[in-house]
Amino acid sequence: MLREVKNTDQLLEELITATTKPKLVSFLIPIGLPGLGKTYFKQNILSKLMAEQEGCSFKSICQDDIRQEMINSFLSENPTATYDAAMINTKDLLQSKFEEVIIHTIDTFVDNEE
């Protein structure tokens, strides 16, 4: 079930409640313009809250981090390439790599819970 949550208090309450249910995987996908506080919320509020919950594991998957890893890899394999060229060459593969990381993370979580 995918639904939009706009209220931070509601989101935090649902996440705390979710930690008491076995094998429940919740996704929080912050969407918004740069500079609105998505990363701040993840680093300073959500990760600390999840760390305080017994039996709860928190995994952050950031598309920006995945893209940077892809760019770094491209540049190391193509030392004469520019950063702009690396951005262009990794653009089309980013979504599939992001999905691959999500699926791997879920599989790892499920395997560890069994």
PDB file of N, CA and C in Angstrom:
ATOM      1  N   MET A   1       0.863  -1.174   0.000  1.00  0.00           N
ATOM      2  CA  MET A   1       0.000   0.000   0.000  1.00  0.00           C
ATOM      3  C   MET A   1       0.904   1.229   0.000  1.00  0.00           C
ATOM      4  N   LEU A   2       0.723   2.074  -0.967  1.00  0.00           N
ATOM      5  CA  LEU A   2       1.508   3.297  -1.079  1.00  0.00           C
ATOM      6  C   LEU A   2       0.577   4.466  -0.864  1.00  0.00           C
ATOM      7  N   ARG A   3       0.936   5.336   0.068  1.00  0.00           N
ATOM      8  CA  ARG A   3       0.102   6.510   0.315  1.00  0.00           C
ATOM      9  C   ARG A   3       0.985   7.679   0.698  1.00  0.00           C
ATOM     10  N   GLU A   4       0.457   8.833   0.487  1.00  0.00           N
ATOM     11  CA  GLU A   4       1.203  10.056   0.774  1.00  0.00           C
ATOM     12  C   GLU A   4       0.944  10.477   2.222  1.00  0.00           C
ATOM     13  N   VAL A   5       2.012  10.815   2.924  1.00  0.00           N
ATOM     14  CA  VAL A   5       1.894  11.319   4.287  1.00  0.00           C
ATOM     15  C   VAL A   5       2.491  12.714   4.300  1.00  0.00           C
ATOM     16  N   LYS A   6       1.713  13.686   4.677  1.00  0.00           N
ATOM     17  CA  LYS A   6       2.188  15.068   4.655  1.00  0.00           C
ATOM     18  C   LYS A   6       2.569  15.588   6.036  1.00  0.00           C
ATOM     19  N   ASN A   7       2.075  14.972   7.067  1.00  0.00           N
ATOM     20  CA  ASN A   7       2.280  15.449   8.421  1.00  0.00           C
ATOM     21  C   ASN A   7       3.427  14.675   9.064  1.00  0.00           C
ATOM     22  N   THR A   8       4.478  15.356   9.477  1.00  0.00           N
ATOM     23  CA  THR A   8       5.645  14.706  10.069  1.00  0.00           C
ATOM     24  C   THR A   8       5.284  13.945  11.339  1.00  0.00           C
ATOM     25  N   ASP A   9       4.436  14.506  12.182  1.00  0.00           N
ATOM     26  CA  ASP A   9       4.034  13.817  13.408  1.00  0.00           C
ATOM     27  C   ASP A   9       3.327  12.502  13.085  1.00  0.00           C
ATOM     28  N   GLN A  10       2.465  12.523  12.079  1.00  0.00           N
ATOM     29  CA  GLN A  10       1.754  11.314  11.664  1.00  0.00           C
ATOM     30  C   GLN A  10       2.752  10.275  11.147  1.00  0.00           C
ATOM     31  N   LEU A  11       3.714  10.712  10.366  1.00  0.00           N
ATOM     32  CA  LEU A  11       4.720   9.812   9.828  1.00  0.00           C
ATOM     33  C   LEU A  11       5.520   9.154  10.949  1.00  0.00           C
ATOM     34  N   LEU A  12       5.990   9.939  11.895  1.00  0.00           N
ATOM     35  CA  LEU A  12       6.786   9.399  13.004  1.00  0.00           C
ATOM     36  C   LEU A  12       5.972   8.409  13.834  1.00  0.00           C
ATOM     37  N   GLU A  13       4.717   8.716  14.091  1.00  0.00           N
ATOM     38  CA  GLU A  13       3.852   7.811  14.847  1.00  0.00           C
ATOM     39  C   GLU A  13       3.666   6.487  14.103  1.00  0.00           C
ATOM     40  N   GLU A  14       3.458   6.562  12.795  1.00  0.00           N
ATOM     41  CA  GLU A  14       3.291   5.342  12.008  1.00  0.00           C
ATOM     42  C   GLU A  14       4.570   4.511  11.979  1.00  0.00           C
ATOM     43  N   LEU A  15       5.714   5.170  11.900  1.00  0.00           N
ATOM     44  CA  LEU A  15       6.973   4.439  11.896  1.00  0.00           C
ATOM     45  C   LEU A  15       7.232   3.758  13.241  1.00  0.00           C
ATOM     46  N   ILE A  16       6.925   4.426  14.329  1.00  0.00           N
ATOM     47  CA  ILE A  16       7.094   3.826  15.658  1.00  0.00           C
ATOM     48  C   ILE A  16       6.166   2.630  15.803  1.00  0.00           C
ATOM     49  N   THR A  17       4.923   2.781  15.383  1.00  0.00           N
ATOM     50  CA  THR A  17       3.958   1.687  15.451  1.00  0.00           C
ATOM     51  C   THR A  17       4.410   0.526  14.577  1.00  0.00           C
ATOM     52  N   ALA A  18       4.960   0.830  13.410  1.00  0.00           N
ATOM     53  CA  ALA A  18       5.388  -0.205  12.468  1.00  0.00           C
ATOM     54  C   ALA A  18       6.513  -1.062  13.029  1.00  0.00           C
ATOM     55  N   THR A  19       7.318  -0.515  13.921  1.00  0.00           N
ATOM     56  CA  THR A  19       8.447  -1.280  14.459  1.00  0.00           C
ATOM     57  C   THR A  19       7.998  -2.411  15.358  1.00  0.00           C
ATOM     58  N   THR A  20       6.756  -2.392  15.820  1.00  0.00           N
ATOM     59  CA  THR A  20       6.268  -3.462  16.685  1.00  0.00           C
ATOM     60  C   THR A  20       5.669  -4.616  15.891  1.00  0.00           C
ATOM     61  N   LYS A  21       5.520  -4.467  14.590  1.00  0.00           N
ATOM     62  CA  LYS A  21       4.962  -5.513  13.745  1.00  0.00           C
ATOM     63  C   LYS A  21       6.105  -6.321  13.138  1.00  0.00           C
ATOM     64  N   PRO A  22       5.969  -7.649  13.118  1.00  0.00           N
ATOM     65  CA  PRO A  22       7.057  -8.465  12.574  1.00  0.00           C
ATOM     66  C   PRO A  22       7.196  -8.331  11.059  1.00  0.00           C
ATOM     67  N   LYS A  23       8.447  -8.271  10.598  1.00  0.00           N
ATOM     68  CA  LYS A  23       8.798  -8.266   9.184  1.00  0.00           C
ATOM     69  C   LYS A  23       8.060  -7.229   8.357  1.00  0.00           C
ATOM     70  N   LEU A  24       7.824  -6.102   8.927  1.00  0.00           N
ATOM     71  CA  LEU A  24       7.196  -5.025   8.180  1.00  0.00           C
ATOM     72  C   LEU A  24       8.291  -4.132   7.614  1.00  0.00           C
ATOM     73  N   VAL A  25       8.217  -3.879   6.340  1.00  0.00           N
ATOM     74  CA  VAL A  25       9.179  -2.998   5.691  1.00  0.00           C
ATOM     75  C   VAL A  25       8.429  -1.747   5.276  1.00  0.00           C
ATOM     76  N   SER A  26       8.896  -0.619   5.729  1.00  0.00           N
ATOM     77  CA  SER A  26       8.277   0.652   5.379  1.00  0.00           C
ATOM     78  C   SER A  26       9.246   1.452   4.530  1.00  0.00           C
ATOM     79  N   PHE A  27       8.716   2.144   3.552  1.00  0.00           N
ATOM     80  CA  PHE A  27       9.527   3.009   2.711  1.00  0.00           C
ATOM     81  C   PHE A  27       9.107   4.445   2.939  1.00  0.00           C
ATOM     82  N   LEU A  28      10.083   5.265   3.113  1.00  0.00           N
ATOM     83  CA  LEU A  28       9.858   6.701   3.185  1.00  0.00           C
ATOM     84  C   LEU A  28      10.593   7.291   1.992  1.00  0.00           C
ATOM     85  N   ILE A  29       9.846   7.878   1.091  1.00  0.00           N
ATOM     86  CA  ILE A  29      10.433   8.441  -0.112  1.00  0.00           C
ATOM     87  C   ILE A  29      10.164   9.937  -0.116  1.00  0.00           C
ATOM     88  N   PRO A  30      11.112  10.703   0.423  1.00  0.00           N
ATOM     89  CA  PRO A  30      10.912  12.150   0.446  1.00  0.00           C
ATOM     90  C   PRO A  30      11.074  12.740  -0.956  1.00  0.00           C
ATOM     91  N   ILE A  31      10.128  13.555  -1.324  1.00  0.00           N
ATOM     92  CA  ILE A  31      10.150  14.196  -2.634  1.00  0.00           C
ATOM     93  C   ILE A  31       9.981  15.695  -2.415  1.00  0.00           C
ATOM     94  N   GLY A  32      10.803  16.464  -3.058  1.00  0.00           N
ATOM     95  CA  GLY A  32      10.670  17.907  -2.941  1.00  0.00           C
ATOM     96  C   GLY A  32      11.843  18.614  -3.585  1.00  0.00           C
ATOM     97  N   LEU A  33      11.717  19.884  -3.628  1.00  0.00           N
ATOM     98  CA  LEU A  33      12.773  20.708  -4.205  1.00  0.00           C
ATOM     99  C   LEU A  33      14.038  20.644  -3.354  1.00  0.00           C
ATOM    100  N   PRO A  34      15.193  20.858  -3.973  1.00  0.00           N
ATOM    101  CA  PRO A  34      16.435  20.900  -3.195  1.00  0.00           C
ATOM    102  C   PRO A  34      16.360  21.973  -2.111  1.00  0.00           C
ATOM    103  N   GLY A  35      16.891  21.623  -0.944  1.00  0.00           N
ATOM    104  CA  GLY A  35      16.961  22.597   0.145  1.00  0.00           C
ATOM    105  C   GLY A  35      15.745  22.632   1.052  1.00  0.00           C
ATOM    106  N   LEU A  36      14.790  21.720   0.873  1.00  0.00           N
ATOM    107  CA  LEU A  36      13.584  21.739   1.707  1.00  0.00           C
ATOM    108  C   LEU A  36      13.742  20.961   3.013  1.00  0.00           C
ATOM    109  N   GLY A  37      14.862  20.262   3.184  1.00  0.00           N
ATOM    110  CA  GLY A  37      15.105  19.577   4.455  1.00  0.00           C
ATOM    111  C   GLY A  37      14.937  18.068   4.410  1.00  0.00           C
ATOM    112  N   LYS A  38      14.903  17.465   3.245  1.00  0.00           N
ATOM    113  CA  LYS A  38      14.742  16.013   3.145  1.00  0.00           C
ATOM    114  C   LYS A  38      15.920  15.294   3.810  1.00  0.00           C
ATOM    115  N   THR A  39      17.126  15.690   3.482  1.00  0.00           N
ATOM    116  CA  THR A  39      18.315  15.065   4.055  1.00  0.00           C
ATOM    117  C   THR A  39      18.425  15.384   5.545  1.00  0.00           C
ATOM    118  N   TYR A  40      18.121  16.596   5.924  1.00  0.00           N
ATOM    119  CA  TYR A  40      18.147  16.975   7.341  1.00  0.00           C
ATOM    120  C   TYR A  40      17.199  16.085   8.139  1.00  0.00           C
ATOM    121  N   PHE A  41      15.994  15.890   7.627  1.00  0.00           N
ATOM    122  CA  PHE A  41      15.008  15.047   8.304  1.00  0.00           C
ATOM    123  C   PHE A  41      15.549  13.629   8.467  1.00  0.00           C
ATOM    124  N   LYS A  42      16.138  13.087   7.402  1.00  0.00           N
ATOM    125  CA  LYS A  42      16.676  11.725   7.454  1.00  0.00           C
ATOM    126  C   LYS A  42      17.823  11.622   8.460  1.00  0.00           C
ATOM    127  N   GLN A  43      18.759  12.552   8.409  1.00  0.00           N
ATOM    128  CA  GLN A  43      19.961  12.454   9.229  1.00  0.00           C
ATOM    129  C   GLN A  43      19.738  12.843  10.685  1.00  0.00           C
ATOM    130  N   ASN A  44      18.915  13.824  10.931  1.00  0.00           N
ATOM    131  CA  ASN A  44      18.811  14.375  12.282  1.00  0.00           C
ATOM    132  C   ASN A  44      17.556  13.980  13.044  1.00  0.00           C
ATOM    133  N   ILE A  45      16.565  13.495  12.366  1.00  0.00           N
ATOM    134  CA  ILE A  45      15.334  13.135  13.059  1.00  0.00           C
ATOM    135  C   ILE A  45      15.044  11.653  12.898  1.00  0.00           C
ATOM    136  N   LEU A  46      14.862  11.217  11.685  1.00  0.00           N
ATOM    137  CA  LEU A  46      14.441   9.848  11.422  1.00  0.00           C
ATOM    138  C   LEU A  46      15.465   8.817  11.871  1.00  0.00           C
ATOM    139  N   SER A  47      16.728   8.979  11.511  1.00  0.00           N
ATOM    140  CA  SER A  47      17.730   7.975  11.879  1.00  0.00           C
ATOM    141  C   SER A  47      17.902   7.888  13.394  1.00  0.00           C
ATOM    142  N   LYS A  48      17.826   9.023  14.094  1.00  0.00           N
ATOM    143  CA  LYS A  48      17.940   9.004  15.550  1.00  0.00           C
ATOM    144  C   LYS A  48      16.724   8.344  16.186  1.00  0.00           C
ATOM    145  N   LEU A  49      15.563   8.610  15.651  1.00  0.00           N
ATOM    146  CA  LEU A  49      14.336   7.996  16.157  1.00  0.00           C
ATOM    147  C   LEU A  49      14.388   6.484  15.975  1.00  0.00           C
ATOM    148  N   MET A  50      14.794   6.035  14.811  1.00  0.00           N
ATOM    149  CA  MET A  50      14.844   4.599  14.541  1.00  0.00           C
ATOM    150  C   MET A  50      15.909   3.911  15.389  1.00  0.00           C
ATOM    151  N   ALA A  51      16.996   4.588  15.672  1.00  0.00           N
ATOM    152  CA  ALA A  51      18.052   4.016  16.508  1.00  0.00           C
ATOM    153  C   ALA A  51      17.554   3.762  17.928  1.00  0.00           C
ATOM    154  N   GLU A  52      16.579   4.534  18.365  1.00  0.00           N
ATOM    155  CA  GLU A  52      16.036   4.387  19.718  1.00  0.00           C
ATOM    156  C   GLU A  52      14.999   3.277  19.825  1.00  0.00           C
ATOM    157  N   GLN A  53      14.527   2.763  18.704  1.00  0.00           N
ATOM    158  CA  GLN A  53      13.490   1.743  18.712  1.00  0.00           C
ATOM    159  C   GLN A  53      14.111   0.353  18.755  1.00  0.00           C
ATOM    160  N   GLU A  54      13.746  -0.419  19.769  1.00  0.00           N
ATOM    161  CA  GLU A  54      14.279  -1.762  19.912  1.00  0.00           C
ATOM    162  C   GLU A  54      13.766  -2.653  18.783  1.00  0.00           C
ATOM    163  N   GLY A  55      14.665  -3.420  18.202  1.00  0.00           N
ATOM    164  CA  GLY A  55      14.283  -4.349  17.151  1.00  0.00           C
ATOM    165  C   GLY A  55      14.028  -3.702  15.803  1.00  0.00           C
ATOM    166  N   CYS A  56      14.395  -2.468  15.671  1.00  0.00           N
ATOM    167  CA  CYS A  56      14.145  -1.756  14.427  1.00  0.00           C
ATOM    168  C   CYS A  56      15.466  -1.518  13.717  1.00  0.00           C
ATOM    169  N   SER A  57      15.503  -1.826  12.441  1.00  0.00           N
ATOM    170  CA  SER A  57      16.700  -1.485  11.683  1.00  0.00           C
ATOM    171  C   SER A  57      16.321  -0.439  10.652  1.00  0.00           C
ATOM    172  N   PHE A  58      17.241   0.453  10.427  1.00  0.00           N
ATOM    173  CA  PHE A  58      17.008   1.584   9.527  1.00  0.00           C
ATOM    174  C   PHE A  58      18.060   1.565   8.448  1.00  0.00           C
ATOM    175  N   LYS A  59      17.630   1.585   7.214  1.00  0.00           N
ATOM    176  CA  LYS A  59      18.552   1.609   6.086  1.00  0.00           C
ATOM    177  C   LYS A  59      18.163   2.762   5.191  1.00  0.00           C
ATOM    178  N   SER A  60      19.108   3.611   4.911  1.00  0.00           N
ATOM    179  CA  SER A  60      18.870   4.758   4.044  1.00  0.00           C
ATOM    180  C   SER A  60      19.453   4.464   2.663  1.00  0.00           C
ATOM    181  N   ILE A  61      18.646   4.680   1.645  1.00  0.00           N
ATOM    182  CA  ILE A  61      19.093   4.499   0.269  1.00  0.00           C
ATOM    183  C   ILE A  61      18.896   5.841  -0.428  1.00  0.00           C
ATOM    184  N   CYS A  62      19.986   6.432  -0.831  1.00  0.00           N
ATOM    185  CA  CYS A  62      19.930   7.770  -1.424  1.00  0.00           C
ATOM    186  C   CYS A  62      20.353   7.703  -2.888  1.00  0.00           C
ATOM    187  N   GLN A  63      19.463   8.127  -3.760  1.00  0.00           N
ATOM    188  CA  GLN A  63      19.760   8.106  -5.183  1.00  0.00           C
ATOM    189  C   GLN A  63      20.968   8.993  -5.513  1.00  0.00           C
ATOM    190  N   ASP A  64      21.119  10.089  -4.801  1.00  0.00           N
ATOM    191  CA  ASP A  64      22.277  10.964  -5.024  1.00  0.00           C
ATOM    192  C   ASP A  64      23.589  10.230  -4.736  1.00  0.00           C
ATOM    193  N   ASP A  65      23.605   9.424  -3.658  1.00  0.00           N
ATOM    194  CA  ASP A  65      24.811   8.663  -3.313  1.00  0.00           C
ATOM    195  C   ASP A  65      25.114   7.606  -4.366  1.00  0.00           C
ATOM    196  N   ILE A  66      24.062   6.950  -4.857  1.00  0.00           N
ATOM    197  CA  ILE A  66      24.247   5.933  -5.894  1.00  0.00           C
ATOM    198  C   ILE A  66      24.801   6.576  -7.157  1.00  0.00           C
ATOM    199  N   ARG A  67      24.244   7.706  -7.521  1.00  0.00           N
ATOM    200  CA  ARG A  67      24.732   8.401  -8.727  1.00  0.00           C
ATOM    201  C   ARG A  67      26.197   8.799  -8.552  1.00  0.00           C
ATOM    202  N   GLN A  68      26.556   9.304  -7.370  1.00  0.00           N
ATOM    203  CA  GLN A  68      27.949   9.712  -7.146  1.00  0.00           C
ATOM    204  C   GLN A  68      28.884   8.517  -7.259  1.00  0.00           C
ATOM    205  N   GLU A  69      28.486   7.361  -6.740  1.00  0.00           N
ATOM    206  CA  GLU A  69      29.300   6.151  -6.876  1.00  0.00           C
ATOM    207  C   GLU A  69      29.460   5.766  -8.347  1.00  0.00           C
ATOM    208  N   MET A  70      28.374   5.882  -9.118  1.00  0.00           N
ATOM    209  CA  MET A  70      28.433   5.567 -10.541  1.00  0.00           C
ATOM    210  C   MET A  70      29.356   6.537 -11.277  1.00  0.00           C
ATOM    211  N   ILE A  71      29.271   7.803 -10.933  1.00  0.00           N
ATOM    212  CA  ILE A  71      30.129   8.820 -11.555  1.00  0.00           C
ATOM    213  C   ILE A  71      31.594   8.550 -11.220  1.00  0.00           C
ATOM    214  N   ASN A  72      31.870   8.272  -9.948  1.00  0.00           N
ATOM    215  CA  ASN A  72      33.246   7.986  -9.537  1.00  0.00           C
ATOM    216  C   ASN A  72      33.797   6.770 -10.276  1.00  0.00           C
ATOM    217  N   SER A  73      32.983   5.744 -10.416  1.00  0.00           N
ATOM    218  CA  SER A  73      33.399   4.545 -11.120  1.00  0.00           C
ATOM    219  C   SER A  73      33.684   4.852 -12.589  1.00  0.00           C
ATOM    220  N   PHE A  74      32.791   5.615 -13.207  1.00  0.00           N
ATOM    221  CA  PHE A  74      32.980   5.996 -14.612  1.00  0.00           C
ATOM    222  C   PHE A  74      34.273   6.783 -14.789  1.00  0.00           C
ATOM    223  N   LEU A  75      34.514   7.726 -13.895  1.00  0.00           N
ATOM    224  CA  LEU A  75      35.721   8.559 -14.004  1.00  0.00           C
ATOM    225  C   LEU A  75      36.994   7.759 -13.765  1.00  0.00           C
ATOM    226  N   SER A  76      36.939   6.766 -12.880  1.00  0.00           N
ATOM    227  CA  SER A  76      38.141   5.954 -12.657  1.00  0.00           C
ATOM    228  C   SER A  76      38.420   5.044 -13.853  1.00  0.00           C
ATOM    229  N   GLU A  77      37.339   4.612 -14.541  1.00  0.00           N
ATOM    230  CA  GLU A  77      37.515   3.783 -15.733  1.00  0.00           C
ATOM    231  C   GLU A  77      37.856   4.615 -16.969  1.00  0.00           C
ATOM    232  N   ASN A  78      37.540   5.906 -16.922  1.00  0.00           N
ATOM    233  CA  ASN A  78      37.776   6.821 -18.047  1.00  0.00           C
ATOM    234  C   ASN A  78      38.473   8.077 -17.524  1.00  0.00           C
ATOM    235  N   PRO A  79      39.755   7.975 -17.210  1.00  0.00           N
ATOM    236  CA  PRO A  79      40.463   9.073 -16.541  1.00  0.00           C
ATOM    237  C   PRO A  79      40.493  10.397 -17.295  1.00  0.00           C
ATOM    238  N   THR A  80      40.285  10.374 -18.586  1.00  0.00           N
ATOM    239  CA  THR A  80      40.300  11.626 -19.345  1.00  0.00           C
ATOM    240  C   THR A  80      38.908  12.243 -19.484  1.00  0.00           C
ATOM    241  N   ALA A  81      37.895  11.550 -18.987  1.00  0.00           N
ATOM    242  CA  ALA A  81      36.515  12.048 -19.103  1.00  0.00           C
ATOM    243  C   ALA A  81      36.268  13.190 -18.127  1.00  0.00           C
ATOM    244  N   THR A  82      35.344  14.056 -18.489  1.00  0.00           N
ATOM    245  CA  THR A  82      34.953  15.160 -17.612  1.00  0.00           C
ATOM    246  C   THR A  82      33.805  14.725 -16.709  1.00  0.00           C
ATOM    247  N   TYR A  83      33.571  15.513 -15.685  1.00  0.00           N
ATOM    248  CA  TYR A  83      32.454  15.241 -14.774  1.00  0.00           C
ATOM    249  C   TYR A  83      31.125  15.298 -15.536  1.00  0.00           C
ATOM    250  N   ASP A  84      30.993  16.263 -16.440  1.00  0.00           N
ATOM    251  CA  ASP A  84      29.769  16.374 -17.240  1.00  0.00           C
ATOM    252  C   ASP A  84      29.553  15.121 -18.082  1.00  0.00           C
ATOM    253  N   ALA A  85      30.617  14.597 -18.664  1.00  0.00           N
ATOM    254  CA  ALA A  85      30.508  13.365 -19.454  1.00  0.00           C
ATOM    255  C   ALA A  85      30.067  12.202 -18.567  1.00  0.00           C
ATOM    256  N   ALA A  86      30.587  12.157 -17.350  1.00  0.00           N
ATOM    257  CA  ALA A  86      30.200  11.104 -16.415  1.00  0.00           C
ATOM    258  C   ALA A  86      28.727  11.228 -16.047  1.00  0.00           C
ATOM    259  N   MET A  87      28.249  12.440 -15.839  1.00  0.00           N
ATOM    260  CA  MET A  87      26.828  12.661 -15.543  1.00  0.00           C
ATOM    261  C   MET A  87      25.959  12.147 -16.693  1.00  0.00           C
ATOM    262  N   ILE A  88      26.333  12.473 -17.895  1.00  0.00           N
ATOM    263  CA  ILE A  88      25.558  12.072 -19.069  1.00  0.00           C
ATOM    264  C   ILE A  88      25.578  10.554 -19.239  1.00  0.00           C
ATOM    265  N   ASN A  89      26.745   9.948 -19.054  1.00  0.00           N
ATOM    266  CA  ASN A  89      26.872   8.508 -19.262  1.00  0.00           C
ATOM    267  C   ASN A  89      26.219   7.668 -18.180  1.00  0.00           C
ATOM    268  N   THR A  90      26.009   8.206 -17.015  1.00  0.00           N
ATOM    269  CA  THR A  90      25.379   7.440 -15.935  1.00  0.00           C
ATOM    270  C   THR A  90      23.879   7.711 -15.819  1.00  0.00           C
ATOM    271  N   LYS A  91      23.399   8.732 -16.487  1.00  0.00           N
ATOM    272  CA  LYS A  91      22.007   9.160 -16.348  1.00  0.00           C
ATOM    273  C   LYS A  91      21.006   8.041 -16.634  1.00  0.00           C
ATOM    274  N   ASP A  92      21.171   7.360 -17.750  1.00  0.00           N
ATOM    275  CA  ASP A  92      20.192   6.349 -18.153  1.00  0.00           C
ATOM    276  C   ASP A  92      20.228   5.099 -17.277  1.00  0.00           C
ATOM    277  N   LEU A  93      21.348   4.825 -16.646  1.00  0.00           N
ATOM    278  CA  LEU A  93      21.471   3.630 -15.807  1.00  0.00           C
ATOM    279  C   LEU A  93      21.058   3.857 -14.357  1.00  0.00           C
ATOM    280  N   LEU A  94      20.895   5.108 -13.973  1.00  0.00           N
ATOM    281  CA  LEU A  94      20.655   5.431 -12.568  1.00  0.00           C
ATOM    282  C   LEU A  94      19.393   4.787 -12.022  1.00  0.00           C
ATOM    283  N   GLN A  95      18.283   4.881 -12.717  1.00  0.00           N
ATOM    284  CA  GLN A  95      17.022   4.348 -12.192  1.00  0.00           C
ATOM    285  C   GLN A  95      17.096   2.838 -11.981  1.00  0.00           C
ATOM    286  N   SER A  96      17.661   2.123 -12.944  1.00  0.00           N
ATOM    287  CA  SER A  96      17.745   0.670 -12.790  1.00  0.00           C
ATOM    288  C   SER A  96      18.701   0.297 -11.648  1.00  0.00           C
ATOM    289  N   LYS A  97      19.783   1.038 -11.483  1.00  0.00           N
ATOM    290  CA  LYS A  97      20.709   0.783 -10.374  1.00  0.00           C
ATOM    291  C   LYS A  97      20.034   1.072  -9.033  1.00  0.00           C
ATOM    292  N   PHE A  98      19.262   2.153  -8.967  1.00  0.00           N
ATOM    293  CA  PHE A  98      18.530   2.508  -7.750  1.00  0.00           C
ATOM    294  C   PHE A  98      17.550   1.391  -7.381  1.00  0.00           C
ATOM    295  N   GLU A  99      16.809   0.900  -8.363  1.00  0.00           N
ATOM    296  CA  GLU A  99      15.868  -0.199  -8.127  1.00  0.00           C
ATOM    297  C   GLU A  99      16.600  -1.460  -7.685  1.00  0.00           C
ATOM    298  N   GLU A 100      17.747  -1.737  -8.285  1.00  0.00           N
ATOM    299  CA  GLU A 100      18.552  -2.895  -7.917  1.00  0.00           C
ATOM    300  C   GLU A 100      18.991  -2.818  -6.451  1.00  0.00           C
ATOM    301  N   VAL A 101      19.416  -1.643  -6.020  1.00  0.00           N
ATOM    302  CA  VAL A 101      19.844  -1.458  -4.631  1.00  0.00           C
ATOM    303  C   VAL A 101      18.662  -1.646  -3.669  1.00  0.00           C
ATOM    304  N   ILE A 102      17.501  -1.139  -4.035  1.00  0.00           N
ATOM    305  CA  ILE A 102      16.318  -1.309  -3.191  1.00  0.00           C
ATOM    306  C   ILE A 102      15.973  -2.788  -3.051  1.00  0.00           C
ATOM    307  N   ILE A 103      15.938  -3.506  -4.163  1.00  0.00           N
ATOM    308  CA  ILE A 103      15.597  -4.932  -4.122  1.00  0.00           C
ATOM    309  C   ILE A 103      16.621  -5.704  -3.305  1.00  0.00           C
ATOM    310  N   HIS A 104      17.898  -5.403  -3.490  1.00  0.00           N
ATOM    311  CA  HIS A 104      18.947  -6.071  -2.715  1.00  0.00           C
ATOM    312  C   HIS A 104      18.782  -5.795  -1.218  1.00  0.00           C
ATOM    313  N   THR A 105      18.462  -4.568  -0.878  1.00  0.00           N
ATOM    314  CA  THR A 105      18.275  -4.198   0.530  1.00  0.00           C
ATOM    315  C   THR A 105      17.104  -4.958   1.144  1.00  0.00           C
ATOM    316  N   ILE A 106      16.002  -5.054   0.421  1.00  0.00           N
ATOM    317  CA  ILE A 106      14.842  -5.793   0.918  1.00  0.00           C
ATOM    318  C   ILE A 106      15.189  -7.268   1.074  1.00  0.00           C
ATOM    319  N   ASP A 107      15.834  -7.853   0.064  1.00  0.00           N
ATOM    320  CA  ASP A 107      16.210  -9.264   0.144  1.00  0.00           C
ATOM    321  C   ASP A 107      17.126  -9.534   1.331  1.00  0.00           C
ATOM    322  N   THR A 108      18.082  -8.653   1.553  1.00  0.00           N
ATOM    323  CA  THR A 108      19.003  -8.797   2.685  1.00  0.00           C
ATOM    324  C   THR A 108      18.238  -8.709   4.005  1.00  0.00           C
ATOM    325  N   PHE A 109      17.307  -7.780   4.095  1.00  0.00           N
ATOM    326  CA  PHE A 109      16.505  -7.627   5.314  1.00  0.00           C
ATOM    327  C   PHE A 109      15.694  -8.885   5.577  1.00  0.00           C
ATOM    328  N   VAL A 110      15.028  -9.411   4.564  1.00  0.00           N
ATOM    329  CA  VAL A 110      14.195 -10.594   4.723  1.00  0.00           C
ATOM    330  C   VAL A 110      15.056 -11.798   5.098  1.00  0.00           C
ATOM    331  N   ASP A 111      16.219 -11.966   4.448  1.00  0.00           N
ATOM    332  CA  ASP A 111      17.100 -13.077   4.759  1.00  0.00           C
ATOM    333  C   ASP A 111      17.585 -13.019   6.202  1.00  0.00           C
ATOM    334  N   ASN A 112      17.874 -11.818   6.711  1.00  0.00           N
ATOM    335  CA  ASN A 112      18.348 -11.656   8.093  1.00  0.00           C
ATOM    336  C   ASN A 112      17.247 -11.893   9.110  1.00  0.00           C
ATOM    337  N   GLU A 113      16.009 -11.729   8.730  1.00  0.00           N
ATOM    338  CA  GLU A 113      14.881 -11.896   9.651  1.00  0.00           C
ATOM    339  C   GLU A 113      14.462 -13.362   9.767  1.00  0.00           C
ATOM    340  N   GLU A 114      14.810 -14.162   8.769  1.00  0.00           N
ATOM    341  CA  GLU A 114      14.389 -15.577   8.769  1.00  0.00           C
ATOM    342  C   GLU A 114      15.252 -16.412   9.668  1.00  0.00           C
TER     343      GLU A 114
END
